[in-house]
Amino acid sequence: MKPLSRLSFLASLIGSVFLMTTVLMVTGCSRTPAIEQTVAASSDFNLMMWKADVAADFSRQEWKDFDAAVQEIKYGVMIAGEATGSARVWTATLAKMDGLTVRQVLQQGLGQKLARLTEERAKFFGYVTNNERLRVAPGDEASVDYLRMVRERQEERISLLTEQIKAIEEILQRRGVVLDQPPTKAAGQGRSEAF
């Protein structure tokens, strides 16, 4: 083999450096996947600015799922009595989301909703079981009709809850969200260590 001339060597070296630089720029400058974006929600304004900054990274359905999770977090704040009044409830909601990833907001909000609906469905199953034990006096058709109507309503509610639970489970699965770890913020960072 013939040794490379100095010019060929330099051209080869420059080409290699250019290729490596291009690869590093492409891989190093790529945006974080939408679900791993960190939510900036220290204030309503910061949340609005964050949403504007990452809007193009999310599909309509992803925003819909995110907003549903946010509403569930807000609902959880109200149920727990952590704050009263719409402004304070919203401020507490923002504090719960600030520094979490989108995945963790989905985990927290939709996880809360899933737990709530699952608990409600279990209660309705209990109601049905209890009502099955009820006995009416022979010939009391009014009571029989009433219990039948109550059971139908309970079964409709169970069916609706089951559909809602399945829908949430599908969202979580589609987004790759696992509910076995609650999202937590790392001390002093406002970021979660759960993922």
C-alpha atoms as a PDB file:
ATOM      1  CA  MET A   1       0.000   0.000   0.000  1.00  0.00           C
ATOM      2  CA  LYS A   2       1.063   3.464  -0.788  1.00  0.00           C
ATOM      3  CA  PRO A   3       1.446   5.868   2.133  1.00  0.00           C
ATOM      4  CA  LEU A   4      -1.090   8.689   2.252  1.00  0.00           C
ATOM      5  CA  SER A   5       0.163  12.019   1.098  1.00  0.00           C
ATOM      6  CA  ARG A   6       0.049  14.828   3.548  1.00  0.00           C
ATOM      7  CA  LEU A   7      -2.858  16.447   1.679  1.00  0.00           C
ATOM      8  CA  SER A   8      -4.850  13.201   1.607  1.00  0.00           C
ATOM      9  CA  PHE A   9      -4.227  12.690   5.303  1.00  0.00           C
ATOM     10  CA  LEU A  10      -5.439  16.206   6.163  1.00  0.00           C
ATOM     11  CA  ALA A  11      -8.518  15.838   3.972  1.00  0.00           C
ATOM     12  CA  SER A  12      -9.308  12.518   5.647  1.00  0.00           C
ATOM     13  CA  LEU A  13      -8.792  14.017   9.111  1.00  0.00           C
ATOM     14  CA  ILE A  14     -10.990  17.042   8.372  1.00  0.00           C
ATOM     15  CA  GLY A  15     -13.706  14.771   6.954  1.00  0.00           C
ATOM     16  CA  SER A  16     -13.636  12.594  10.072  1.00  0.00           C
ATOM     17  CA  VAL A  17     -13.793  15.603  12.393  1.00  0.00           C
ATOM     18  CA  PHE A  18     -16.679  17.053  10.361  1.00  0.00           C
ATOM     19  CA  LEU A  19     -18.565  13.749  10.512  1.00  0.00           C
ATOM     20  CA  MET A  20     -18.038  13.360  14.257  1.00  0.00           C
ATOM     21  CA  THR A  21     -19.092  16.967  14.873  1.00  0.00           C
ATOM     22  CA  THR A  22     -22.241  16.503  12.825  1.00  0.00           C
ATOM     23  CA  VAL A  23     -23.150  13.304  14.679  1.00  0.00           C
ATOM     24  CA  LEU A  24     -22.563  14.970  18.063  1.00  0.00           C
ATOM     25  CA  MET A  25     -24.634  17.999  17.086  1.00  0.00           C
ATOM     26  CA  VAL A  26     -27.534  15.888  15.903  1.00  0.00           C
ATOM     27  CA  THR A  27     -27.554  13.615  18.926  1.00  0.00           C
ATOM     28  CA  GLY A  28     -26.554  16.229  21.486  1.00  0.00           C
ATOM     29  CA  CYS A  29     -28.971  18.918  20.343  1.00  0.00           C
ATOM     30  CA  SER A  30     -32.060  16.795  19.999  1.00  0.00           C
ATOM     31  CA  ARG A  31     -34.974  17.786  22.230  1.00  0.00           C
ATOM     32  CA  THR A  32     -36.060  15.699  25.151  1.00  0.00           C
ATOM     33  CA  PRO A  33     -39.055  13.498  24.295  1.00  0.00           C
ATOM     34  CA  ALA A  34     -42.346  15.211  25.172  1.00  0.00           C
ATOM     35  CA  ILE A  35     -43.168  12.812  27.998  1.00  0.00           C
ATOM     36  CA  GLU A  36     -39.786  13.478  29.651  1.00  0.00           C
ATOM     37  CA  GLN A  37     -40.090  17.284  29.498  1.00  0.00           C
ATOM     38  CA  THR A  38     -39.889  18.898  32.924  1.00  0.00           C
ATOM     39  CA  VAL A  39     -42.965  20.943  33.749  1.00  0.00           C
ATOM     40  CA  ALA A  40     -42.249  24.544  34.781  1.00  0.00           C
ATOM     41  CA  ALA A  41     -45.211  25.456  36.965  1.00  0.00           C
ATOM     42  CA  SER A  42     -43.862  27.651  39.746  1.00  0.00           C
ATOM     43  CA  SER A  43     -46.580  30.130  38.737  1.00  0.00           C
ATOM     44  CA  ASP A  44     -49.473  30.316  36.331  1.00  0.00           C
ATOM     45  CA  PHE A  45     -47.336  32.492  34.063  1.00  0.00           C
ATOM     46  CA  ASN A  46     -44.458  29.986  34.094  1.00  0.00           C
ATOM     47  CA  LEU A  47     -46.846  27.156  33.200  1.00  0.00           C
ATOM     48  CA  MET A  48     -48.241  29.211  30.331  1.00  0.00           C
ATOM     49  CA  MET A  49     -44.715  29.998  29.075  1.00  0.00           C
ATOM     50  CA  TRP A  50     -43.644  26.353  29.405  1.00  0.00           C
ATOM     51  CA  LYS A  51     -46.702  25.221  27.451  1.00  0.00           C
ATOM     52  CA  ALA A  52     -45.942  27.756  24.713  1.00  0.00           C
ATOM     53  CA  ASP A  53     -42.314  26.622  24.566  1.00  0.00           C
ATOM     54  CA  VAL A  54     -43.118  22.910  24.209  1.00  0.00           C
ATOM     55  CA  ALA A  55     -46.436  23.152  22.344  1.00  0.00           C
ATOM     56  CA  ALA A  56     -45.005  21.780  19.098  1.00  0.00           C
ATOM     57  CA  ASP A  57     -43.614  18.717  20.896  1.00  0.00           C
ATOM     58  CA  PHE A  58     -47.090  17.496  21.908  1.00  0.00           C
ATOM     59  CA  SER A  59     -49.975  16.167  19.851  1.00  0.00           C
ATOM     60  CA  ARG A  60     -53.527  17.281  20.597  1.00  0.00           C
ATOM     61  CA  GLN A  61     -54.183  13.978  22.342  1.00  0.00           C
ATOM     62  CA  GLU A  62     -51.062  14.334  24.494  1.00  0.00           C
ATOM     63  CA  TRP A  63     -52.215  17.806  25.589  1.00  0.00           C
ATOM     64  CA  LYS A  64     -55.665  16.411  26.305  1.00  0.00           C
ATOM     65  CA  ASP A  65     -54.154  13.645  28.463  1.00  0.00           C
ATOM     66  CA  PHE A  66     -51.880  16.145  30.232  1.00  0.00           C
ATOM     67  CA  ASP A  67     -54.761  18.536  30.946  1.00  0.00           C
ATOM     68  CA  ALA A  68     -56.898  15.653  32.256  1.00  0.00           C
ATOM     69  CA  ALA A  69     -54.085  14.717  34.652  1.00  0.00           C
ATOM     70  CA  VAL A  70     -53.766  18.347  35.789  1.00  0.00           C
ATOM     71  CA  GLN A  71     -57.515  18.511  36.474  1.00  0.00           C
ATOM     72  CA  GLU A  72     -57.268  15.319  38.524  1.00  0.00           C
ATOM     73  CA  ILE A  73     -54.391  16.750  40.568  1.00  0.00           C
ATOM     74  CA  LYS A  74     -56.512  19.856  41.157  1.00  0.00           C
ATOM     75  CA  TYR A  75     -59.462  17.672  42.148  1.00  0.00           C
ATOM     76  CA  GLY A  76     -57.202  15.782  44.556  1.00  0.00           C
ATOM     77  CA  VAL A  77     -56.117  19.058  46.167  1.00  0.00           C
ATOM     78  CA  MET A  78     -59.765  19.979  46.711  1.00  0.00           C
ATOM     79  CA  ILE A  79     -60.769  16.537  48.030  1.00  0.00           C
ATOM     80  CA  ALA A  80     -57.850  16.471  50.471  1.00  0.00           C
ATOM     81  CA  GLY A  81     -58.720  19.963  51.669  1.00  0.00           C
ATOM     82  CA  GLU A  82     -55.157  21.143  51.009  1.00  0.00           C
ATOM     83  CA  ALA A  83     -56.483  24.529  49.896  1.00  0.00           C
ATOM     84  CA  THR A  84     -59.756  26.385  49.572  1.00  0.00           C
ATOM     85  CA  GLY A  85     -60.764  28.978  47.040  1.00  0.00           C
ATOM     86  CA  SER A  86     -59.978  28.649  43.361  1.00  0.00           C
ATOM     87  CA  ALA A  87     -56.760  30.711  43.429  1.00  0.00           C
ATOM     88  CA  ARG A  88     -55.243  28.782  46.347  1.00  0.00           C
ATOM     89  CA  VAL A  89     -56.361  25.418  44.917  1.00  0.00           C
ATOM     90  CA  TRP A  90     -54.693  26.304  41.607  1.00  0.00           C
ATOM     91  CA  THR A  91     -51.512  27.477  43.377  1.00  0.00           C
ATOM     92  CA  ALA A  92     -51.358  24.176  45.302  1.00  0.00           C
ATOM     93  CA  THR A  93     -51.936  22.284  42.049  1.00  0.00           C
ATOM     94  CA  LEU A  94     -49.066  24.132  40.372  1.00  0.00           C
ATOM     95  CA  ALA A  95     -46.791  23.369  43.331  1.00  0.00           C
ATOM     96  CA  LYS A  96     -47.553  19.654  43.000  1.00  0.00           C
ATOM     97  CA  MET A  97     -46.590  19.695  39.295  1.00  0.00           C
ATOM     98  CA  ASP A  98     -43.632  22.061  39.263  1.00  0.00           C
ATOM     99  CA  GLY A  99     -40.408  20.209  38.489  1.00  0.00           C
ATOM    100  CA  LEU A 100     -42.087  16.906  37.614  1.00  0.00           C
ATOM    101  CA  THR A 101     -41.815  15.411  34.155  1.00  0.00           C
ATOM    102  CA  VAL A 102     -44.915  15.128  31.997  1.00  0.00           C
ATOM    103  CA  ARG A 103     -44.768  11.384  32.665  1.00  0.00           C
ATOM    104  CA  GLN A 104     -44.913  12.033  36.403  1.00  0.00           C
ATOM    105  CA  VAL A 105     -47.797  14.487  36.061  1.00  0.00           C
ATOM    106  CA  LEU A 106     -49.691  11.794  34.135  1.00  0.00           C
ATOM    107  CA  GLN A 107     -48.663   9.257  36.753  1.00  0.00           C
ATOM    108  CA  GLN A 108     -49.859  11.423  39.610  1.00  0.00           C
ATOM    109  CA  GLY A 109     -53.075  12.783  38.092  1.00  0.00           C
ATOM    110  CA  LEU A 110     -54.315   9.777  36.175  1.00  0.00           C
ATOM    111  CA  GLY A 111     -53.088   7.487  38.942  1.00  0.00           C
ATOM    112  CA  GLN A 112     -55.269   9.399  41.414  1.00  0.00           C
ATOM    113  CA  LYS A 113     -58.248   9.131  39.082  1.00  0.00           C
ATOM    114  CA  LEU A 114     -57.688   5.430  38.528  1.00  0.00           C
ATOM    115  CA  ALA A 115     -57.517   4.811  42.286  1.00  0.00           C
ATOM    116  CA  ARG A 116     -60.647   6.890  42.899  1.00  0.00           C
ATOM    117  CA  LEU A 117     -62.680   5.159  40.189  1.00  0.00           C
ATOM    118  CA  THR A 118     -61.470   1.702  41.248  1.00  0.00           C
ATOM    119  CA  GLU A 119     -62.509   2.430  44.834  1.00  0.00           C
ATOM    120  CA  GLU A 120     -65.906   3.737  43.708  1.00  0.00           C
ATOM    121  CA  ARG A 121     -66.474   0.647  41.555  1.00  0.00           C
ATOM    122  CA  ALA A 122     -65.603  -1.610  44.502  1.00  0.00           C
ATOM    123  CA  LYS A 123     -68.204   0.219  46.606  1.00  0.00           C
ATOM    124  CA  PHE A 124     -70.843  -0.347  43.943  1.00  0.00           C
ATOM    125  CA  PHE A 125     -69.965  -4.038  43.788  1.00  0.00           C
ATOM    126  CA  GLY A 126     -70.524  -4.068  47.554  1.00  0.00           C
ATOM    127  CA  TYR A 127     -73.888  -2.354  47.151  1.00  0.00           C
ATOM    128  CA  VAL A 128     -74.966  -4.944  44.598  1.00  0.00           C
ATOM    129  CA  THR A 129     -73.872  -7.774  46.901  1.00  0.00           C
ATOM    130  CA  ASN A 130     -75.740  -6.246  49.840  1.00  0.00           C
ATOM    131  CA  ASN A 131     -78.881  -5.662  47.786  1.00  0.00           C
ATOM    132  CA  GLU A 132     -78.859  -9.266  46.582  1.00  0.00           C
ATOM    133  CA  ARG A 133     -79.300 -10.318  50.200  1.00  0.00           C
ATOM    134  CA  LEU A 134     -82.442  -8.234  50.648  1.00  0.00           C
ATOM    135  CA  ARG A 135     -85.719 -10.124  50.767  1.00  0.00           C
ATOM    136  CA  VAL A 136     -89.165  -8.708  50.209  1.00  0.00           C
ATOM    137  CA  ALA A 137     -92.474  -9.902  51.519  1.00  0.00           C
ATOM    138  CA  PRO A 138     -94.286 -12.312  49.202  1.00  0.00           C
ATOM    139  CA  GLY A 139     -96.499 -10.406  46.801  1.00  0.00           C
ATOM    140  CA  ASP A 140     -94.758  -7.028  47.382  1.00  0.00           C
ATOM    141  CA  GLU A 141     -94.248  -6.230  43.707  1.00  0.00           C
ATOM    142  CA  ALA A 142     -93.513  -2.557  44.365  1.00  0.00           C
ATOM    143  CA  SER A 143     -90.460  -3.500  46.423  1.00  0.00           C
ATOM    144  CA  VAL A 144     -89.357  -6.066  43.840  1.00  0.00           C
ATOM    145  CA  ASP A 145     -89.611  -3.434  41.079  1.00  0.00           C
ATOM    146  CA  TYR A 146     -87.781  -0.875  43.191  1.00  0.00           C
ATOM    147  CA  LEU A 147     -84.905  -3.257  43.980  1.00  0.00           C
ATOM    148  CA  ARG A 148     -84.701  -4.247  40.307  1.00  0.00           C
ATOM    149  CA  MET A 149     -84.458  -0.565  39.327  1.00  0.00           C
ATOM    150  CA  VAL A 150     -81.780   0.069  41.977  1.00  0.00           C
ATOM    151  CA  ARG A 151     -79.769  -2.926  40.784  1.00  0.00           C
ATOM    152  CA  GLU A 152     -79.990  -1.794  37.145  1.00  0.00           C
ATOM    153  CA  ARG A 153     -78.715   1.665  38.108  1.00  0.00           C
ATOM    154  CA  GLN A 154     -75.885   0.145  40.123  1.00  0.00           C
ATOM    155  CA  GLU A 155     -74.921  -2.152  37.253  1.00  0.00           C
ATOM    156  CA  GLU A 156     -74.990   0.801  34.835  1.00  0.00           C
ATOM    157  CA  ARG A 157     -72.720   2.734  37.173  1.00  0.00           C
ATOM    158  CA  ILE A 158     -70.353  -0.241  37.470  1.00  0.00           C
ATOM    159  CA  SER A 159     -70.275  -0.533  33.683  1.00  0.00           C
ATOM    160  CA  LEU A 160     -69.537   3.186  33.273  1.00  0.00           C
ATOM    161  CA  LEU A 161     -66.790   3.059  35.905  1.00  0.00           C
ATOM    162  CA  THR A 162     -65.262  -0.003  34.225  1.00  0.00           C
ATOM    163  CA  GLU A 163     -65.183   1.842  30.881  1.00  0.00           C
ATOM    164  CA  GLN A 164     -63.546   4.875  32.506  1.00  0.00           C
ATOM    165  CA  ILE A 165     -60.970   2.690  34.249  1.00  0.00           C
ATOM    166  CA  LYS A 166     -60.118   0.938  30.974  1.00  0.00           C
ATOM    167  CA  ALA A 167     -59.752   4.294  29.203  1.00  0.00           C
ATOM    168  CA  ILE A 168     -57.306   5.541  31.841  1.00  0.00           C
ATOM    169  CA  GLU A 169     -55.354   2.275  31.749  1.00  0.00           C
ATOM    170  CA  GLU A 170     -55.094   2.594  27.955  1.00  0.00           C
ATOM    171  CA  ILE A 171     -53.762   6.155  28.227  1.00  0.00           C
ATOM    172  CA  LEU A 172     -51.210   5.102  30.820  1.00  0.00           C
ATOM    173  CA  GLN A 173     -50.121   2.139  28.726  1.00  0.00           C
ATOM    174  CA  ARG A 174     -49.941   4.201  25.514  1.00  0.00           C
ATOM    175  CA  ARG A 175     -47.789   6.822  27.275  1.00  0.00           C
ATOM    176  CA  GLY A 176     -45.600   4.209  28.974  1.00  0.00           C
ATOM    177  CA  VAL A 177     -46.585   5.379  32.450  1.00  0.00           C
ATOM    178  CA  VAL A 178     -46.194   2.902  35.306  1.00  0.00           C
ATOM    179  CA  LEU A 179     -48.050   3.490  38.577  1.00  0.00           C
ATOM    180  CA  ASP A 180     -45.922   1.437  40.948  1.00  0.00           C
ATOM    181  CA  GLN A 181     -43.958   4.474  42.180  1.00  0.00           C
ATOM    182  CA  PRO A 182     -45.500   7.764  43.249  1.00  0.00           C
ATOM    183  CA  PRO A 183     -43.736  10.797  41.775  1.00  0.00           C
ATOM    184  CA  THR A 184     -41.553  12.636  44.259  1.00  0.00           C
ATOM    185  CA  LYS A 185     -39.359  15.688  44.041  1.00  0.00           C
ATOM    186  CA  ALA A 186     -35.693  15.430  44.932  1.00  0.00           C
ATOM    187  CA  ALA A 187     -34.620  17.630  47.812  1.00  0.00           C
ATOM    188  CA  GLY A 188     -33.720  21.101  46.682  1.00  0.00           C
ATOM    189  CA  GLN A 189     -34.060  20.363  42.990  1.00  0.00           C
ATOM    190  CA  GLY A 190     -37.786  20.411  42.307  1.00  0.00           C
ATOM    191  CA  ARG A 191     -37.178  17.425  40.051  1.00  0.00           C
ATOM    192  CA  SER A 192     -38.323  13.878  40.487  1.00  0.00           C
ATOM    193  CA  GLU A 193     -36.085  10.914  41.129  1.00  0.00           C
ATOM    194  CA  ALA A 194     -38.817   8.333  40.440  1.00  0.00           C
ATOM    195  CA  PHE A 195     -37.830   7.875  36.784  1.00  0.00           C
END
